[in-house]
Amino acid sequence: MRHSLMSVSALEDPATVRLALDAVALRLDGKTASPRTAKRKRACLSDVLGLAVEEKYFTLPVNPLTAVK
């Protein structure tokens, strides 16, 4: 498995958030995760991004996940 590192502030870009959402919709073997699992992972990502907003990692005090549907 290949890992890439990027700064948290890179998630201000909606395209990067979309990549993250696409990734949480997959299992580790690359197959599609169940809708329930994907929803749970999205909720965790939202919580983490909310904490990043609180800690002022973003230029705008808004969770970047809200910009992507």
C-alpha atoms as a PDB file:
ATOM      1  CA  MET A   1       0.000   0.000   0.000  1.00  0.00           C
ATOM      2  CA  ARG A   2       1.360   3.395  -0.985  1.00  0.00           C
ATOM      3  CA  HIS A   3       0.956   6.336   1.366  1.00  0.00           C
ATOM      4  CA  SER A   4       1.202   9.987   0.453  1.00  0.00           C
ATOM      5  CA  LEU A   5       1.568  12.808   2.920  1.00  0.00           C
ATOM      6  CA  MET A   6       0.175  16.294   2.503  1.00  0.00           C
ATOM      7  CA  SER A   7      -0.506  19.171   4.814  1.00  0.00           C
ATOM      8  CA  VAL A   8      -3.913  19.480   6.435  1.00  0.00           C
ATOM      9  CA  SER A   9      -4.371  22.862   4.783  1.00  0.00           C
ATOM     10  CA  ALA A  10      -4.336  21.097   1.381  1.00  0.00           C
ATOM     11  CA  LEU A  11      -7.859  19.953   2.273  1.00  0.00           C
ATOM     12  CA  GLU A  12      -9.116  23.495   1.699  1.00  0.00           C
ATOM     13  CA  ASP A  13      -9.155  22.586  -1.994  1.00  0.00           C
ATOM     14  CA  PRO A  14     -12.503  20.927  -2.868  1.00  0.00           C
ATOM     15  CA  ALA A  15     -10.759  18.596  -5.339  1.00  0.00           C
ATOM     16  CA  THR A  16      -8.565  17.262  -2.527  1.00  0.00           C
ATOM     17  CA  VAL A  17     -11.596  16.792  -0.277  1.00  0.00           C
ATOM     18  CA  ARG A  18     -13.293  14.884  -3.115  1.00  0.00           C
ATOM     19  CA  LEU A  19     -10.247  12.578  -3.343  1.00  0.00           C
ATOM     20  CA  ALA A  20     -10.474  11.959   0.400  1.00  0.00           C
ATOM     21  CA  LEU A  21     -14.187  11.182   0.137  1.00  0.00           C
ATOM     22  CA  ASP A  22     -13.530   8.797  -2.740  1.00  0.00           C
ATOM     23  CA  ALA A  23     -10.891   7.065  -0.629  1.00  0.00           C
ATOM     24  CA  VAL A  24     -13.167   6.594   2.394  1.00  0.00           C
ATOM     25  CA  ALA A  25     -15.727   4.957   0.106  1.00  0.00           C
ATOM     26  CA  LEU A  26     -13.268   2.130  -0.578  1.00  0.00           C
ATOM     27  CA  ARG A  27     -12.093  -0.841   1.426  1.00  0.00           C
ATOM     28  CA  LEU A  28      -8.380  -1.517   1.865  1.00  0.00           C
ATOM     29  CA  ASP A  29      -8.507  -4.059  -0.964  1.00  0.00           C
ATOM     30  CA  GLY A  30      -9.840  -1.365  -3.339  1.00  0.00           C
ATOM     31  CA  LYS A  31     -13.397  -2.674  -3.548  1.00  0.00           C
ATOM     32  CA  THR A  32     -16.357  -0.442  -2.753  1.00  0.00           C
ATOM     33  CA  ALA A  33     -17.194  -0.236   0.944  1.00  0.00           C
ATOM     34  CA  SER A  34     -20.757  -0.750   2.106  1.00  0.00           C
ATOM     35  CA  PRO A  35     -22.830   2.443   2.290  1.00  0.00           C
ATOM     36  CA  ARG A  36     -22.952   2.167   6.078  1.00  0.00           C
ATOM     37  CA  THR A  37     -19.158   1.913   6.319  1.00  0.00           C
ATOM     38  CA  ALA A  38     -18.643   4.814   3.912  1.00  0.00           C
ATOM     39  CA  LYS A  39     -21.086   6.949   5.909  1.00  0.00           C
ATOM     40  CA  ARG A  40     -19.263   6.127   9.163  1.00  0.00           C
ATOM     41  CA  LYS A  41     -15.879   6.953   7.624  1.00  0.00           C
ATOM     42  CA  ARG A  42     -17.252  10.235   6.222  1.00  0.00           C
ATOM     43  CA  ALA A  43     -18.526  11.133   9.712  1.00  0.00           C
ATOM     44  CA  CYS A  44     -15.062  10.468  11.156  1.00  0.00           C
ATOM     45  CA  LEU A  45     -13.458  12.616   8.447  1.00  0.00           C
ATOM     46  CA  SER A  46     -15.923  15.396   9.217  1.00  0.00           C
ATOM     47  CA  ASP A  47     -15.045  15.218  12.923  1.00  0.00           C
ATOM     48  CA  VAL A  48     -11.321  15.374  12.182  1.00  0.00           C
ATOM     49  CA  LEU A  49     -11.773  18.339   9.855  1.00  0.00           C
ATOM     50  CA  GLY A  50     -13.915  20.037  12.485  1.00  0.00           C
ATOM     51  CA  LEU A  51     -11.064  19.679  14.967  1.00  0.00           C
ATOM     52  CA  ALA A  52      -8.662  21.083  12.376  1.00  0.00           C
ATOM     53  CA  VAL A  53     -10.947  24.117  12.030  1.00  0.00           C
ATOM     54  CA  GLU A  54     -10.914  24.576  15.817  1.00  0.00           C
ATOM     55  CA  GLU A  55      -7.109  24.397  15.833  1.00  0.00           C
ATOM     56  CA  LYS A  56      -6.978  26.973  12.999  1.00  0.00           C
ATOM     57  CA  TYR A  57      -5.273  24.772  10.399  1.00  0.00           C
ATOM     58  CA  PHE A  58      -7.395  26.396   7.673  1.00  0.00           C
ATOM     59  CA  THR A  59      -7.468  29.999   6.504  1.00  0.00           C
ATOM     60  CA  LEU A  60     -11.276  30.074   6.724  1.00  0.00           C
ATOM     61  CA  PRO A  61     -13.057  28.895   9.880  1.00  0.00           C
ATOM     62  CA  VAL A  62     -15.237  26.466   7.884  1.00  0.00           C
ATOM     63  CA  ASN A  63     -15.148  22.687   7.624  1.00  0.00           C
ATOM     64  CA  PRO A  64     -14.029  22.031   4.014  1.00  0.00           C
ATOM     65  CA  LEU A  65     -16.289  18.989   3.855  1.00  0.00           C
ATOM     66  CA  THR A  66     -19.315  21.294   3.739  1.00  0.00           C
ATOM     67  CA  ALA A  67     -18.194  22.599   0.326  1.00  0.00           C
ATOM     68  CA  VAL A  68     -18.387  19.123  -1.238  1.00  0.00           C
ATOM     69  CA  LYS A  69     -21.514  17.025  -1.619  1.00  0.00           C
END
